[in-house]
Amino acid sequence: MAATRSPTRARERERSGAPAAATSQALDTVWRMAKGFVMLAVSFLVAAICYFRRLHLYSGHKLKWWIGYLQRKFKRNLSVEAEVDLLSYCAREWKGETPRNKLMRKAYEELFWRHHIKCVRQVRRDNYDALRSVLFQIFSQGISFPSWMKEKDIVKLPEKLLFSQGCNWIQQYSFGPEKYTGSNVFGKLRKYVELLKTQWTEFNGIRDYHKRGSMCNTLFSDAILEYKLYEALKFIMLYQVTEVYEQMKTKKVIPSLFRLLFSRETSSDPLSFMMNHLNSVGDTCGLEQIDMFILGYSLEVKIKVFRLFKFNSRDFEVCYPEEPLRDWPEISLLTENDRHYHIPVF
């Protein structure tokens, strides 16, 4: 009896164990498939992360390169740079403990604390930078024409000097580094003065400060256009010198700065002033102090200059001209050496 039950129980055990084995085998297969899928997903995820990381690094590198390129290009083309913190600029430019460096740091601190100058605009260092610094502020502030320009058509001034005052020597006028002279001087001067008049009128007619600033950024990144405006300013100075010289010959009272100008052997008359001084401006030299007086007088603006290298002396702060009329607008410059100028921002 026991012998007959034994095979039966064995068969039952085999039948009951078969589904369990099949289930286990199925679970094992599913597990292997799931494990393989997970491993594949992880591998794909790792590969994707590595790819996007490399793409991010490459993109960041290229973006940084383009930003640097555009900044260099923009900085190179813009002749009047954006505002920077005054004391930060001083700390960067005047490191070290030499007596001159210490003096300059004290001078900048004086501007910051006593004169409330918070920022500075760096101006491109060349032989036009005094004219550039003055014209930039006239345009950015929307300062109007001098009173004498409102009464005369300045476009006709070149012909006036030649035909009304007999100044045929004007043909020797030199356009800065171009050194151009000849029969077409009048035509070039007329075009440049007309351009100055047009630009000045346009800026003066804009009441929105930010719009004028945006237009200044555009104008002062065009080197050719700038050059023409500066040569027009030089001619305006020459015209004023000629006008005052004619007044002096008729025994009229003239401003003291012109008496000083005509007392020098190198500028005893308008021709010598042009040949020995004005023709070199923009080429081999910039404006001298007496030229700054003439510029302020011609444009009817009070040019206040902080001469940082003269700190702790009476010449630290000077005005061109020294006795401007009360209603003349004021602009400010700063210089570290009387050769190159920057624009302080209050």
C-alpha atoms as a PDB file:
ATOM      1  CA  MET A   1       0.000   0.000   0.000  1.00  0.00           C
ATOM      2  CA  ALA A   2       2.818   2.300   0.906  1.00  0.00           C
ATOM      3  CA  ALA A   3       4.534   1.324  -2.270  1.00  0.00           C
ATOM      4  CA  THR A   4       1.540   2.338  -4.362  1.00  0.00           C
ATOM      5  CA  ARG A   5       1.214   5.746  -2.608  1.00  0.00           C
ATOM      6  CA  SER A   6       4.808   6.646  -3.069  1.00  0.00           C
ATOM      7  CA  PRO A   7       4.793   7.018  -6.890  1.00  0.00           C
ATOM      8  CA  THR A   8       1.522   8.894  -6.709  1.00  0.00           C
ATOM      9  CA  ARG A   9       2.892  11.427  -4.211  1.00  0.00           C
ATOM     10  CA  ALA A  10       5.996  11.825  -6.325  1.00  0.00           C
ATOM     11  CA  ARG A  11       3.905  12.593  -9.367  1.00  0.00           C
ATOM     12  CA  GLU A  12       1.868  15.099  -7.336  1.00  0.00           C
ATOM     13  CA  ARG A  13       5.033  16.780  -6.109  1.00  0.00           C
ATOM     14  CA  GLU A  14       6.334  16.963  -9.659  1.00  0.00           C
ATOM     15  CA  ARG A  15       3.051  18.454 -10.862  1.00  0.00           C
ATOM     16  CA  SER A  16       3.003  21.039  -8.038  1.00  0.00           C
ATOM     17  CA  GLY A  17       6.705  21.951  -8.517  1.00  0.00           C
ATOM     18  CA  ALA A  18       6.438  22.510 -12.268  1.00  0.00           C
ATOM     19  CA  PRO A  19       4.389  25.746 -12.019  1.00  0.00           C
ATOM     20  CA  ALA A  20       6.706  27.046  -9.314  1.00  0.00           C
ATOM     21  CA  ALA A  21       9.737  26.433 -11.488  1.00  0.00           C
ATOM     22  CA  ALA A  22       8.047  28.065 -14.442  1.00  0.00           C
ATOM     23  CA  THR A  23       7.133  31.075 -12.321  1.00  0.00           C
ATOM     24  CA  SER A  24      10.649  31.365 -10.993  1.00  0.00           C
ATOM     25  CA  GLN A  25      12.055  31.078 -14.489  1.00  0.00           C
ATOM     26  CA  ALA A  26       9.630  33.730 -15.732  1.00  0.00           C
ATOM     27  CA  LEU A  27      10.510  36.064 -12.872  1.00  0.00           C
ATOM     28  CA  ASP A  28      14.181  35.516 -13.557  1.00  0.00           C
ATOM     29  CA  THR A  29      13.652  36.345 -17.225  1.00  0.00           C
ATOM     30  CA  VAL A  30      11.655  39.447 -16.362  1.00  0.00           C
ATOM     31  CA  TRP A  31      14.315  40.513 -13.887  1.00  0.00           C
ATOM     32  CA  ARG A  32      17.056  40.074 -16.445  1.00  0.00           C
ATOM     33  CA  MET A  33      15.053  42.059 -18.987  1.00  0.00           C
ATOM     34  CA  ALA A  34      14.308  44.797 -16.458  1.00  0.00           C
ATOM     35  CA  LYS A  35      17.921  44.865 -15.346  1.00  0.00           C
ATOM     36  CA  GLY A  36      19.055  45.091 -18.952  1.00  0.00           C
ATOM     37  CA  PHE A  37      16.560  47.878 -19.647  1.00  0.00           C
ATOM     38  CA  VAL A  38      17.667  49.771 -16.549  1.00  0.00           C
ATOM     39  CA  MET A  39      21.333  49.353 -17.464  1.00  0.00           C
ATOM     40  CA  LEU A  40      20.579  50.529 -21.003  1.00  0.00           C
ATOM     41  CA  ALA A  41      18.625  53.530 -19.689  1.00  0.00           C
ATOM     42  CA  VAL A  42      21.416  54.401 -17.254  1.00  0.00           C
ATOM     43  CA  SER A  43      24.012  54.100 -20.003  1.00  0.00           C
ATOM     44  CA  PHE A  44      21.901  56.309 -22.263  1.00  0.00           C
ATOM     45  CA  LEU A  45      21.397  58.821 -19.453  1.00  0.00           C
ATOM     46  CA  VAL A  46      25.123  58.926 -18.667  1.00  0.00           C
ATOM     47  CA  ALA A  47      25.930  59.345 -22.354  1.00  0.00           C
ATOM     48  CA  ALA A  48      23.346  62.130 -22.657  1.00  0.00           C
ATOM     49  CA  ILE A  49      24.701  63.881 -19.573  1.00  0.00           C
ATOM     50  CA  CYS A  50      28.248  63.678 -20.923  1.00  0.00           C
ATOM     51  CA  TYR A  51      27.111  64.963 -24.310  1.00  0.00           C
ATOM     52  CA  PHE A  52      25.163  67.889 -22.908  1.00  0.00           C
ATOM     53  CA  ARG A  53      27.995  68.686 -20.518  1.00  0.00           C
ATOM     54  CA  ARG A  54      30.463  68.856 -23.400  1.00  0.00           C
ATOM     55  CA  LEU A  55      27.949  70.870 -25.417  1.00  0.00           C
ATOM     56  CA  HIS A  56      27.491  73.246 -22.491  1.00  0.00           C
ATOM     57  CA  LEU A  57      31.249  73.699 -22.073  1.00  0.00           C
ATOM     58  CA  TYR A  58      31.720  74.217 -25.809  1.00  0.00           C
ATOM     59  CA  SER A  59      28.802  76.642 -26.033  1.00  0.00           C
ATOM     60  CA  GLY A  60      30.020  78.534 -22.986  1.00  0.00           C
ATOM     61  CA  HIS A  61      33.502  78.784 -24.461  1.00  0.00           C
ATOM     62  CA  LYS A  62      32.194  80.029 -27.801  1.00  0.00           C
ATOM     63  CA  LEU A  63      29.789  82.465 -26.123  1.00  0.00           C
ATOM     64  CA  LYS A  64      32.588  83.847 -23.971  1.00  0.00           C
ATOM     65  CA  TRP A  65      34.768  84.227 -27.064  1.00  0.00           C
ATOM     66  CA  TRP A  66      32.065  86.107 -28.967  1.00  0.00           C
ATOM     67  CA  ILE A  67      31.286  88.326 -25.995  1.00  0.00           C
ATOM     68  CA  GLY A  68      34.964  89.153 -25.622  1.00  0.00           C
ATOM     69  CA  TYR A  69      35.277  89.796 -29.353  1.00  0.00           C
ATOM     70  CA  LEU A  70      32.266  92.105 -29.405  1.00  0.00           C
ATOM     71  CA  GLN A  71      33.440  93.910 -26.285  1.00  0.00           C
ATOM     72  CA  ARG A  72      36.889  94.428 -27.780  1.00  0.00           C
ATOM     73  CA  LYS A  73      35.388  95.597 -31.045  1.00  0.00           C
ATOM     74  CA  PHE A  74      32.926  97.893 -29.285  1.00  0.00           C
ATOM     75  CA  LYS A  75      35.595  99.272 -26.974  1.00  0.00           C
ATOM     76  CA  ARG A  76      37.984  99.851 -29.844  1.00  0.00           C
ATOM     77  CA  ASN A  77      35.419 101.754 -31.877  1.00  0.00           C
ATOM     78  CA  LEU A  78      33.830 103.838 -29.115  1.00  0.00           C
ATOM     79  CA  SER A  79      35.985 106.906 -28.522  1.00  0.00           C
ATOM     80  CA  VAL A  80      34.143 107.893 -25.319  1.00  0.00           C
ATOM     81  CA  GLU A  81      33.665 104.862 -23.093  1.00  0.00           C
ATOM     82  CA  ALA A  82      30.824 104.087 -20.708  1.00  0.00           C
ATOM     83  CA  GLU A  83      30.843 105.374 -17.147  1.00  0.00           C
ATOM     84  CA  VAL A  84      33.013 103.525 -14.610  1.00  0.00           C
ATOM     85  CA  ASP A  85      33.315 104.055 -10.879  1.00  0.00           C
ATOM     86  CA  LEU A  86      35.811 106.850 -10.200  1.00  0.00           C
ATOM     87  CA  LEU A  87      37.656 105.280  -7.260  1.00  0.00           C
ATOM     88  CA  SER A  88      37.767 101.851  -8.916  1.00  0.00           C
ATOM     89  CA  TYR A  89      39.318 103.444 -11.992  1.00  0.00           C
ATOM     90  CA  CYS A  90      41.849 105.252  -9.794  1.00  0.00           C
ATOM     91  CA  ALA A  91      42.779 102.062  -7.923  1.00  0.00           C
ATOM     92  CA  ARG A  92      43.319 100.230 -11.215  1.00  0.00           C
ATOM     93  CA  GLU A  93      45.339 102.972 -12.902  1.00  0.00           C
ATOM     94  CA  TRP A  94      47.415 104.254  -9.997  1.00  0.00           C
ATOM     95  CA  LYS A  95      48.695 101.232  -8.102  1.00  0.00           C
ATOM     96  CA  GLY A  96      51.969 101.355  -6.249  1.00  0.00           C
ATOM     97  CA  GLU A  97      53.497 103.620  -3.640  1.00  0.00           C
ATOM     98  CA  THR A  98      55.478 106.093  -5.718  1.00  0.00           C
ATOM     99  CA  PRO A  99      54.998 109.775  -4.788  1.00  0.00           C
ATOM    100  CA  ARG A 100      53.128 110.422  -8.057  1.00  0.00           C
ATOM    101  CA  ASN A 101      50.775 107.471  -7.537  1.00  0.00           C
ATOM    102  CA  LYS A 102      49.993 108.596  -3.998  1.00  0.00           C
ATOM    103  CA  LEU A 103      49.339 112.152  -5.232  1.00  0.00           C
ATOM    104  CA  MET A 104      46.964 110.942  -7.932  1.00  0.00           C
ATOM    105  CA  ARG A 105      45.022 108.754  -5.496  1.00  0.00           C
ATOM    106  CA  LYS A 106      44.569 111.713  -3.157  1.00  0.00           C
ATOM    107  CA  ALA A 107      43.448 113.873  -6.079  1.00  0.00           C
ATOM    108  CA  TYR A 108      40.819 111.321  -7.114  1.00  0.00           C
ATOM    109  CA  GLU A 109      39.602 111.039  -3.527  1.00  0.00           C
ATOM    110  CA  GLU A 110      39.272 114.830  -3.494  1.00  0.00           C
ATOM    111  CA  LEU A 111      37.064 114.660  -6.613  1.00  0.00           C
ATOM    112  CA  PHE A 112      34.931 111.925  -5.056  1.00  0.00           C
ATOM    113  CA  TRP A 113      34.370 113.389  -1.598  1.00  0.00           C
ATOM    114  CA  ARG A 114      34.514 117.161  -2.081  1.00  0.00           C
ATOM    115  CA  HIS A 115      33.325 117.619  -5.661  1.00  0.00           C
ATOM    116  CA  HIS A 116      30.890 114.676  -5.604  1.00  0.00           C
ATOM    117  CA  ILE A 117      32.199 113.128  -8.819  1.00  0.00           C
ATOM    118  CA  LYS A 118      31.173 109.473  -8.732  1.00  0.00           C
ATOM    119  CA  CYS A 119      32.142 108.152 -12.166  1.00  0.00           C
ATOM    120  CA  VAL A 120      34.425 108.886 -15.097  1.00  0.00           C
ATOM    121  CA  ARG A 121      34.194 108.368 -18.848  1.00  0.00           C
ATOM    122  CA  GLN A 122      37.523 107.502 -20.418  1.00  0.00           C
ATOM    123  CA  VAL A 123      38.234 109.311 -23.677  1.00  0.00           C
ATOM    124  CA  ARG A 124      40.406 107.860 -26.433  1.00  0.00           C
ATOM    125  CA  ARG A 125      43.938 109.168 -26.085  1.00  0.00           C
ATOM    126  CA  ASP A 126      44.928 110.937 -29.260  1.00  0.00           C
ATOM    127  CA  ASN A 127      45.541 114.496 -30.384  1.00  0.00           C
ATOM    128  CA  TYR A 128      41.825 115.230 -30.708  1.00  0.00           C
ATOM    129  CA  ASP A 129      40.792 114.161 -27.197  1.00  0.00           C
ATOM    130  CA  ALA A 130      40.319 117.691 -25.787  1.00  0.00           C
ATOM    131  CA  LEU A 131      38.005 118.584 -28.688  1.00  0.00           C
ATOM    132  CA  ARG A 132      36.288 115.194 -28.344  1.00  0.00           C
ATOM    133  CA  SER A 133      35.698 115.642 -24.603  1.00  0.00           C
ATOM    134  CA  VAL A 134      34.174 119.093 -25.068  1.00  0.00           C
ATOM    135  CA  LEU A 135      32.014 118.239 -28.080  1.00  0.00           C
ATOM    136  CA  PHE A 136      30.716 115.042 -26.451  1.00  0.00           C
ATOM    137  CA  GLN A 137      29.407 117.012 -23.482  1.00  0.00           C
ATOM    138  CA  ILE A 138      27.912 119.758 -25.636  1.00  0.00           C
ATOM    139  CA  PHE A 139      25.958 117.157 -27.591  1.00  0.00           C
ATOM    140  CA  SER A 140      25.066 114.877 -24.656  1.00  0.00           C
ATOM    141  CA  GLN A 141      23.806 117.837 -22.597  1.00  0.00           C
ATOM    142  CA  GLY A 142      21.926 119.371 -25.518  1.00  0.00           C
ATOM    143  CA  ILE A 143      23.728 122.712 -25.165  1.00  0.00           C
ATOM    144  CA  SER A 144      22.552 125.260 -27.714  1.00  0.00           C
ATOM    145  CA  PHE A 145      24.555 127.241 -30.267  1.00  0.00           C
ATOM    146  CA  PRO A 146      26.672 130.185 -29.095  1.00  0.00           C
ATOM    147  CA  SER A 147      24.854 133.469 -29.492  1.00  0.00           C
ATOM    148  CA  TRP A 148      27.112 134.648 -32.332  1.00  0.00           C
ATOM    149  CA  MET A 149      26.411 131.445 -34.298  1.00  0.00           C
ATOM    150  CA  LYS A 150      22.696 132.129 -34.097  1.00  0.00           C
ATOM    151  CA  GLU A 151      23.255 135.494 -35.776  1.00  0.00           C
ATOM    152  CA  LYS A 152      25.451 134.201 -38.620  1.00  0.00           C
ATOM    153  CA  ASP A 153      25.328 131.356 -41.084  1.00  0.00           C
ATOM    154  CA  ILE A 154      28.498 129.573 -40.044  1.00  0.00           C
ATOM    155  CA  VAL A 155      28.500 127.533 -43.260  1.00  0.00           C
ATOM    156  CA  LYS A 156      29.532 130.710 -45.108  1.00  0.00           C
ATOM    157  CA  LEU A 157      32.386 131.596 -42.751  1.00  0.00           C
ATOM    158  CA  PRO A 158      35.185 130.129 -44.941  1.00  0.00           C
ATOM    159  CA  GLU A 159      34.136 132.318 -47.876  1.00  0.00           C
ATOM    160  CA  LYS A 160      33.707 135.292 -45.537  1.00  0.00           C
ATOM    161  CA  LEU A 161      37.321 135.045 -44.406  1.00  0.00           C
ATOM    162  CA  LEU A 162      38.537 134.943 -47.997  1.00  0.00           C
ATOM    163  CA  PHE A 163      36.340 137.484 -49.763  1.00  0.00           C
ATOM    164  CA  SER A 164      35.371 139.926 -46.991  1.00  0.00           C
ATOM    165  CA  GLN A 165      38.586 139.913 -44.988  1.00  0.00           C
ATOM    166  CA  GLY A 166      41.108 138.967 -47.662  1.00  0.00           C
ATOM    167  CA  CYS A 167      42.490 135.962 -45.803  1.00  0.00           C
ATOM    168  CA  ASN A 168      43.761 134.050 -48.826  1.00  0.00           C
ATOM    169  CA  TRP A 169      46.296 132.366 -46.556  1.00  0.00           C
ATOM    170  CA  ILE A 170      43.428 130.121 -45.421  1.00  0.00           C
ATOM    171  CA  GLN A 171      44.427 127.843 -48.309  1.00  0.00           C
ATOM    172  CA  GLN A 172      47.336 126.735 -46.134  1.00  0.00           C
ATOM    173  CA  TYR A 173      44.935 125.287 -43.566  1.00  0.00           C
ATOM    174  CA  SER A 174      45.901 121.695 -42.743  1.00  0.00           C
ATOM    175  CA  PHE A 175      43.367 119.025 -41.767  1.00  0.00           C
ATOM    176  CA  GLY A 176      45.232 117.343 -38.931  1.00  0.00           C
ATOM    177  CA  PRO A 177      46.975 114.110 -39.970  1.00  0.00           C
ATOM    178  CA  GLU A 178      45.584 114.480 -43.489  1.00  0.00           C
ATOM    179  CA  LYS A 179      47.817 117.523 -44.059  1.00  0.00           C
ATOM    180  CA  TYR A 180      45.622 118.561 -46.954  1.00  0.00           C
ATOM    181  CA  THR A 181      46.073 122.026 -48.403  1.00  0.00           C
ATOM    182  CA  GLY A 182      45.159 123.482 -51.741  1.00  0.00           C
ATOM    183  CA  SER A 183      42.399 125.111 -53.709  1.00  0.00           C
ATOM    184  CA  ASN A 184      39.714 122.795 -52.313  1.00  0.00           C
ATOM    185  CA  VAL A 185      40.277 123.870 -48.697  1.00  0.00           C
ATOM    186  CA  PHE A 186      37.195 126.091 -48.806  1.00  0.00           C
ATOM    187  CA  GLY A 187      34.987 123.314 -50.104  1.00  0.00           C
ATOM    188  CA  LYS A 188      36.161 120.886 -47.405  1.00  0.00           C
ATOM    189  CA  LEU A 189      35.818 123.456 -44.641  1.00  0.00           C
ATOM    190  CA  ARG A 190      32.335 124.406 -45.808  1.00  0.00           C
ATOM    191  CA  LYS A 191      31.222 120.741 -45.779  1.00  0.00           C
ATOM    192  CA  TYR A 192      32.725 120.127 -42.344  1.00  0.00           C
ATOM    193  CA  VAL A 193      31.204 123.276 -40.828  1.00  0.00           C
ATOM    194  CA  GLU A 194      27.842 122.406 -42.371  1.00  0.00           C
ATOM    195  CA  LEU A 195      28.093 118.935 -40.830  1.00  0.00           C
ATOM    196  CA  LEU A 196      28.844 120.480 -37.422  1.00  0.00           C
ATOM    197  CA  LYS A 197      25.837 122.775 -37.753  1.00  0.00           C
ATOM    198  CA  THR A 198      23.543 119.884 -38.739  1.00  0.00           C
ATOM    199  CA  GLN A 199      24.679 117.596 -35.934  1.00  0.00           C
ATOM    200  CA  TRP A 200      24.557 120.349 -33.318  1.00  0.00           C
ATOM    201  CA  THR A 201      21.045 121.356 -34.396  1.00  0.00           C
ATOM    202  CA  GLU A 202      19.871 117.746 -34.213  1.00  0.00           C
ATOM    203  CA  PHE A 203      21.250 117.128 -30.729  1.00  0.00           C
ATOM    204  CA  ASN A 204      19.969 120.444 -29.417  1.00  0.00           C
ATOM    205  CA  GLY A 205      16.475 119.581 -30.633  1.00  0.00           C
ATOM    206  CA  ILE A 206      16.281 116.332 -28.637  1.00  0.00           C
ATOM    207  CA  ARG A 207      14.892 116.760 -25.147  1.00  0.00           C
ATOM    208  CA  ASP A 208      15.225 113.151 -23.994  1.00  0.00           C
ATOM    209  CA  TYR A 209      18.563 112.713 -22.206  1.00  0.00           C
ATOM    210  CA  HIS A 210      18.779 108.962 -22.833  1.00  0.00           C
ATOM    211  CA  LYS A 211      18.098 109.378 -26.540  1.00  0.00           C
ATOM    212  CA  ARG A 212      20.891 111.955 -26.782  1.00  0.00           C
ATOM    213  CA  GLY A 213      23.176 109.513 -24.995  1.00  0.00           C
ATOM    214  CA  SER A 214      22.330 106.741 -27.442  1.00  0.00           C
ATOM    215  CA  MET A 215      22.958 109.074 -30.376  1.00  0.00           C
ATOM    216  CA  CYS A 216      26.293 110.106 -28.866  1.00  0.00           C
ATOM    217  CA  ASN A 217      27.348 106.458 -28.670  1.00  0.00           C
ATOM    218  CA  THR A 218      26.589 106.113 -32.361  1.00  0.00           C
ATOM    219  CA  LEU A 219      28.297 109.341 -33.380  1.00  0.00           C
ATOM    220  CA  PHE A 220      31.412 108.805 -31.282  1.00  0.00           C
ATOM    221  CA  SER A 221      32.035 105.383 -32.782  1.00  0.00           C
ATOM    222  CA  ASP A 222      32.373 106.803 -36.300  1.00  0.00           C
ATOM    223  CA  ALA A 223      35.993 107.927 -36.596  1.00  0.00           C
ATOM    224  CA  ILE A 224      35.567 109.584 -40.001  1.00  0.00           C
ATOM    225  CA  LEU A 225      32.558 111.606 -38.886  1.00  0.00           C
ATOM    226  CA  GLU A 226      34.300 112.631 -35.671  1.00  0.00           C
ATOM    227  CA  TYR A 227      37.356 113.802 -37.570  1.00  0.00           C
ATOM    228  CA  LYS A 228      35.266 116.145 -39.718  1.00  0.00           C
ATOM    229  CA  LEU A 229      33.572 117.651 -36.659  1.00  0.00           C
ATOM    230  CA  TYR A 230      36.879 118.300 -34.894  1.00  0.00           C
ATOM    231  CA  GLU A 231      38.315 120.009 -37.960  1.00  0.00           C
ATOM    232  CA  ALA A 232      35.190 122.171 -38.065  1.00  0.00           C
ATOM    233  CA  LEU A 233      35.780 123.140 -34.427  1.00  0.00           C
ATOM    234  CA  LYS A 234      39.377 124.053 -35.229  1.00  0.00           C
ATOM    235  CA  PHE A 235      38.147 126.332 -38.007  1.00  0.00           C
ATOM    236  CA  ILE A 236      35.617 127.963 -35.670  1.00  0.00           C
ATOM    237  CA  MET A 237      38.510 128.750 -33.316  1.00  0.00           C
ATOM    238  CA  LEU A 238      40.522 130.213 -36.213  1.00  0.00           C
ATOM    239  CA  TYR A 239      37.570 132.332 -37.289  1.00  0.00           C
ATOM    240  CA  GLN A 240      37.207 133.789 -33.794  1.00  0.00           C
ATOM    241  CA  VAL A 241      40.934 134.533 -33.597  1.00  0.00           C
ATOM    242  CA  THR A 242      40.690 136.351 -36.941  1.00  0.00           C
ATOM    243  CA  GLU A 243      37.624 138.334 -35.832  1.00  0.00           C
ATOM    244  CA  VAL A 244      39.275 139.475 -32.600  1.00  0.00           C
ATOM    245  CA  TYR A 245      42.486 140.347 -34.450  1.00  0.00           C
ATOM    246  CA  GLU A 246      40.512 142.630 -36.770  1.00  0.00           C
ATOM    247  CA  GLN A 247      38.931 144.265 -33.709  1.00  0.00           C
ATOM    248  CA  MET A 248      42.363 144.786 -32.171  1.00  0.00           C
ATOM    249  CA  LYS A 249      43.590 146.523 -35.326  1.00  0.00           C
ATOM    250  CA  THR A 250      40.743 149.025 -35.004  1.00  0.00           C
ATOM    251  CA  LYS A 251      41.724 149.711 -31.364  1.00  0.00           C
ATOM    252  CA  LYS A 252      38.694 147.998 -29.889  1.00  0.00           C
ATOM    253  CA  VAL A 253      38.867 146.388 -26.445  1.00  0.00           C
ATOM    254  CA  ILE A 254      39.529 142.667 -26.736  1.00  0.00           C
ATOM    255  CA  PRO A 255      39.511 139.882 -24.112  1.00  0.00           C
ATOM    256  CA  SER A 256      42.771 139.526 -22.187  1.00  0.00           C
ATOM    257  CA  LEU A 257      43.324 135.964 -23.372  1.00  0.00           C
ATOM    258  CA  PHE A 258      43.657 137.206 -26.962  1.00  0.00           C
ATOM    259  CA  ARG A 259      46.131 139.886 -25.935  1.00  0.00           C
ATOM    260  CA  LEU A 260      48.212 137.083 -24.466  1.00  0.00           C
ATOM    261  CA  LEU A 261      47.809 135.035 -27.642  1.00  0.00           C
ATOM    262  CA  PHE A 262      48.939 137.850 -29.947  1.00  0.00           C
ATOM    263  CA  SER A 263      51.852 138.746 -27.671  1.00  0.00           C
ATOM    264  CA  ARG A 264      53.578 135.439 -28.499  1.00  0.00           C
ATOM    265  CA  GLU A 265      55.986 135.400 -31.432  1.00  0.00           C
ATOM    266  CA  THR A 266      54.496 132.131 -32.683  1.00  0.00           C
ATOM    267  CA  SER A 267      50.922 133.503 -32.746  1.00  0.00           C
ATOM    268  CA  SER A 268      51.257 137.231 -33.326  1.00  0.00           C
ATOM    269  CA  ASP A 269      48.512 137.118 -35.969  1.00  0.00           C
ATOM    270  CA  PRO A 270      45.917 134.601 -37.233  1.00  0.00           C
ATOM    271  CA  LEU A 271      48.247 133.214 -39.939  1.00  0.00           C
ATOM    272  CA  SER A 272      51.074 132.436 -37.515  1.00  0.00           C
ATOM    273  CA  PHE A 273      48.573 130.989 -35.041  1.00  0.00           C
ATOM    274  CA  MET A 274      47.264 128.671 -37.751  1.00  0.00           C
ATOM    275  CA  MET A 275      50.661 127.658 -39.120  1.00  0.00           C
ATOM    276  CA  ASN A 276      52.480 127.214 -35.799  1.00  0.00           C
ATOM    277  CA  HIS A 277      49.707 125.831 -33.602  1.00  0.00           C
ATOM    278  CA  LEU A 278      46.318 124.999 -35.075  1.00  0.00           C
ATOM    279  CA  ASN A 279      47.515 122.996 -38.091  1.00  0.00           C
ATOM    280  CA  SER A 280      49.317 120.569 -35.770  1.00  0.00           C
ATOM    281  CA  VAL A 281      46.259 119.852 -33.630  1.00  0.00           C
ATOM    282  CA  GLY A 282      45.021 116.347 -34.370  1.00  0.00           C
ATOM    283  CA  ASP A 283      48.335 115.444 -35.998  1.00  0.00           C
ATOM    284  CA  THR A 284      51.371 115.896 -33.766  1.00  0.00           C
ATOM    285  CA  CYS A 285      49.839 117.624 -30.741  1.00  0.00           C
ATOM    286  CA  GLY A 286      46.596 118.439 -28.950  1.00  0.00           C
ATOM    287  CA  LEU A 287      45.255 121.694 -27.563  1.00  0.00           C
ATOM    288  CA  GLU A 288      47.466 123.817 -25.342  1.00  0.00           C
ATOM    289  CA  GLN A 289      46.054 125.734 -22.380  1.00  0.00           C
ATOM    290  CA  ILE A 290      45.654 128.948 -24.343  1.00  0.00           C
ATOM    291  CA  ASP A 291      43.870 126.960 -27.062  1.00  0.00           C
ATOM    292  CA  MET A 292      41.426 125.744 -24.414  1.00  0.00           C
ATOM    293  CA  PHE A 293      40.675 129.393 -23.594  1.00  0.00           C
ATOM    294  CA  ILE A 294      39.968 130.103 -27.256  1.00  0.00           C
ATOM    295  CA  LEU A 295      37.791 126.989 -27.556  1.00  0.00           C
ATOM    296  CA  GLY A 296      35.672 127.963 -24.556  1.00  0.00           C
ATOM    297  CA  TYR A 297      35.361 131.533 -25.808  1.00  0.00           C
ATOM    298  CA  SER A 298      34.415 130.405 -29.335  1.00  0.00           C
ATOM    299  CA  LEU A 299      31.748 127.958 -28.172  1.00  0.00           C
ATOM    300  CA  GLU A 300      30.575 130.174 -25.285  1.00  0.00           C
ATOM    301  CA  VAL A 301      30.970 127.440 -22.683  1.00  0.00           C
ATOM    302  CA  LYS A 302      32.790 127.515 -19.380  1.00  0.00           C
ATOM    303  CA  ILE A 303      35.260 124.622 -19.459  1.00  0.00           C
ATOM    304  CA  LYS A 304      36.168 123.630 -15.906  1.00  0.00           C
ATOM    305  CA  VAL A 305      39.219 121.376 -15.760  1.00  0.00           C
ATOM    306  CA  PHE A 306      40.451 119.422 -12.745  1.00  0.00           C
ATOM    307  CA  ARG A 307      44.212 119.130 -13.186  1.00  0.00           C
ATOM    308  CA  LEU A 308      44.945 116.168 -10.952  1.00  0.00           C
ATOM    309  CA  PHE A 309      48.724 116.445 -11.154  1.00  0.00           C
ATOM    310  CA  LYS A 310      48.371 119.934  -9.637  1.00  0.00           C
ATOM    311  CA  PHE A 311      46.594 118.641  -6.511  1.00  0.00           C
ATOM    312  CA  ASN A 312      47.103 120.804  -3.412  1.00  0.00           C
ATOM    313  CA  SER A 313      47.881 123.874  -5.518  1.00  0.00           C
ATOM    314  CA  ARG A 314      45.860 126.841  -6.776  1.00  0.00           C
ATOM    315  CA  ASP A 315      46.014 125.381 -10.294  1.00  0.00           C
ATOM    316  CA  PHE A 316      44.168 122.191  -9.342  1.00  0.00           C
ATOM    317  CA  GLU A 317      40.883 123.605 -10.638  1.00  0.00           C
ATOM    318  CA  VAL A 318      40.930 126.033 -13.571  1.00  0.00           C
ATOM    319  CA  CYS A 319      38.365 127.471 -15.964  1.00  0.00           C
ATOM    320  CA  TYR A 320      38.668 128.268 -19.660  1.00  0.00           C
ATOM    321  CA  PRO A 321      38.065 131.138 -20.099  1.00  0.00           C
ATOM    322  CA  GLU A 322      38.784 132.474 -16.620  1.00  0.00           C
ATOM    323  CA  GLU A 323      36.036 135.100 -16.795  1.00  0.00           C
ATOM    324  CA  PRO A 324      33.146 133.552 -18.696  1.00  0.00           C
ATOM    325  CA  LEU A 325      29.846 135.311 -19.003  1.00  0.00           C
ATOM    326  CA  ARG A 326      27.380 134.419 -16.284  1.00  0.00           C
ATOM    327  CA  ASP A 327      24.894 132.635 -18.521  1.00  0.00           C
ATOM    328  CA  TRP A 328      27.376 130.388 -20.318  1.00  0.00           C
ATOM    329  CA  PRO A 329      26.777 126.664 -19.689  1.00  0.00           C
ATOM    330  CA  GLU A 330      29.490 124.760 -17.850  1.00  0.00           C
ATOM    331  CA  ILE A 331      31.164 121.482 -18.761  1.00  0.00           C
ATOM    332  CA  SER A 332      33.866 119.665 -16.797  1.00  0.00           C
ATOM    333  CA  LEU A 333      36.983 117.729 -17.735  1.00  0.00           C
ATOM    334  CA  LEU A 334      39.737 116.065 -15.772  1.00  0.00           C
ATOM    335  CA  THR A 335      43.335 115.602 -16.816  1.00  0.00           C
ATOM    336  CA  GLU A 336      46.294 113.806 -15.318  1.00  0.00           C
ATOM    337  CA  ASN A 337      48.942 115.596 -17.390  1.00  0.00           C
ATOM    338  CA  ASP A 338      47.443 118.533 -19.390  1.00  0.00           C
ATOM    339  CA  ARG A 339      47.710 116.450 -22.573  1.00  0.00           C
ATOM    340  CA  HIS A 340      44.863 113.944 -22.342  1.00  0.00           C
ATOM    341  CA  TYR A 341      41.389 114.511 -20.932  1.00  0.00           C
ATOM    342  CA  HIS A 342      38.568 112.411 -19.498  1.00  0.00           C
ATOM    343  CA  ILE A 343      34.973 113.291 -18.637  1.00  0.00           C
ATOM    344  CA  PRO A 344      33.892 113.346 -14.960  1.00  0.00           C
ATOM    345  CA  VAL A 345      30.324 112.305 -14.169  1.00  0.00           C
ATOM    346  CA  PHE A 346      28.628 113.912 -11.176  1.00  0.00           C
END
